[in-house]
């Protein structure tokens, strides 16, 4: 699943009324703290480089937690982009119409 943190959710101008609720779901962070999910939202996300762009529909779980990230993309989104992520280089590479 893809994760969107509450600060980013609010910065996008979205309201809690935009969410669909997940009953009884909790996330356990790497620090061991449980966070009750706000819910989930589907957003169109556009990835672009100097040559082209691709837009995919992404289902985000919205988590009320502090993070240095805005969001975290999971395997379904990377697979939809035919992308490869490099944590060492902090980049994602994917094919576009020009190859």
Protein backbone atom coordinates (compact mmCIF):
# COMPACT_ATOMS: atom_id res chain seq x y z
CA UNK A 1 0.00 0.00 0.00
CA UNK A 2 1.00 3.59 -0.55
CA UNK A 3 1.14 5.93 2.43
CA UNK A 4 0.28 9.61 2.58
CA UNK A 5 1.10 11.43 5.79
CA UNK A 6 -1.49 13.75 7.34
CA UNK A 7 0.64 16.89 6.91
CA UNK A 8 0.89 16.29 3.15
CA UNK A 9 -2.80 15.40 2.99
CA UNK A 10 -3.68 18.76 4.54
CA UNK A 11 -1.15 20.67 2.38
CA UNK A 12 -2.90 19.29 -0.70
CA UNK A 13 -6.04 21.09 0.47
CA UNK A 14 -7.89 17.84 1.10
CA UNK A 15 -10.37 17.53 3.94
CA UNK A 16 -11.22 14.53 6.09
CA UNK A 17 -14.56 14.43 4.29
CA UNK A 18 -12.59 13.30 1.18
CA UNK A 19 -11.54 10.11 2.96
CA UNK A 20 -13.10 6.67 2.90
CA UNK A 21 -12.80 5.10 6.31
CA UNK A 22 -10.92 1.94 7.27
CA UNK A 23 -12.61 0.38 10.26
CA UNK A 24 -10.27 -1.09 12.85
CA UNK A 25 -7.02 -0.73 10.91
CA UNK A 26 -3.86 0.41 12.66
CA UNK A 27 -0.32 0.89 11.41
CA UNK A 28 2.71 0.06 13.48
CA UNK A 29 5.68 2.29 12.72
CA UNK A 30 9.34 1.40 12.79
CA UNK A 31 9.50 3.12 16.18
CA UNK A 32 6.91 0.64 17.49
CA UNK A 33 4.18 3.24 17.95
CA UNK A 34 0.67 2.39 16.77
CA UNK A 35 -1.15 4.94 14.64
CA UNK A 36 -4.85 4.73 13.86
CA UNK A 37 -5.38 5.38 10.16
CA UNK A 38 -7.52 8.34 9.15
CA UNK A 39 -8.75 6.40 6.13
CA UNK A 40 -7.85 6.14 2.48
CA UNK A 41 -8.11 8.30 -0.60
CA UNK A 42 -7.53 7.71 -4.30
CA UNK A 43 -5.54 10.40 -6.11
CA UNK A 44 -4.14 10.80 -9.60
CA UNK A 45 -0.37 11.27 -9.30
CA UNK A 46 1.74 12.57 -12.20
CA UNK A 47 5.38 11.57 -12.48
CA UNK A 48 7.43 13.59 -14.95
CA UNK A 49 10.98 13.98 -16.13
CA UNK A 50 12.59 16.23 -18.74
CA UNK A 51 11.10 14.20 -21.61
CA UNK A 52 7.60 13.09 -20.68
CA UNK A 53 5.13 12.37 -17.92
CA UNK A 54 2.88 9.56 -16.72
CA UNK A 55 -0.17 9.75 -14.52
CA UNK A 56 -1.34 6.81 -12.41
CA UNK A 57 -4.19 6.41 -9.98
CA UNK A 58 -2.83 5.74 -6.49
CA UNK A 59 -4.69 4.46 -3.43
CA UNK A 60 -3.14 6.10 -0.35
CA UNK A 61 -3.63 5.17 3.29
CA UNK A 62 -3.58 8.42 5.27
CA UNK A 63 -1.61 8.12 8.50
CA UNK A 64 -1.48 10.75 11.26
CA UNK A 65 2.22 10.56 11.97
CA UNK A 66 5.23 12.81 11.76
CA UNK A 67 7.62 11.90 8.96
CA UNK A 68 10.42 13.41 6.96
CA UNK A 69 8.67 12.02 3.86
CA UNK A 70 5.54 13.38 2.16
CA UNK A 71 4.41 9.94 1.04
CA UNK A 72 5.71 6.44 0.44
CA UNK A 73 4.99 4.60 -2.80
CA UNK A 74 4.56 0.85 -2.60
CA UNK A 75 5.01 -1.96 -5.06
CA UNK A 76 1.62 -1.56 -6.83
CA UNK A 77 2.44 2.01 -7.87
CA UNK A 78 6.00 1.16 -8.88
CA UNK A 79 4.67 -1.79 -10.91
CA UNK A 80 2.09 0.44 -12.64
CA UNK A 81 4.96 2.72 -13.70
CA UNK A 82 7.28 -0.17 -14.63
CA UNK A 83 9.66 1.63 -12.27
CA UNK A 84 12.77 0.71 -10.34
CA UNK A 85 13.55 2.56 -7.11
CA UNK A 86 17.08 3.25 -5.88
CA UNK A 87 17.30 4.09 -2.20
CA UNK A 88 21.03 4.75 -2.56
CA UNK A 89 20.44 7.46 -5.17
CA UNK A 90 17.02 8.58 -3.89
CA UNK A 91 15.61 8.27 -7.40
CA UNK A 92 13.00 6.31 -9.33
CA UNK A 93 13.61 5.33 -12.94
CA UNK A 94 10.76 4.40 -15.27
CA UNK A 95 10.12 4.10 -18.98
CA UNK A 96 8.28 6.84 -20.83
CA UNK A 97 6.99 7.06 -24.39
CA UNK A 98 10.47 7.91 -25.67
CA UNK A 99 11.98 4.86 -23.94
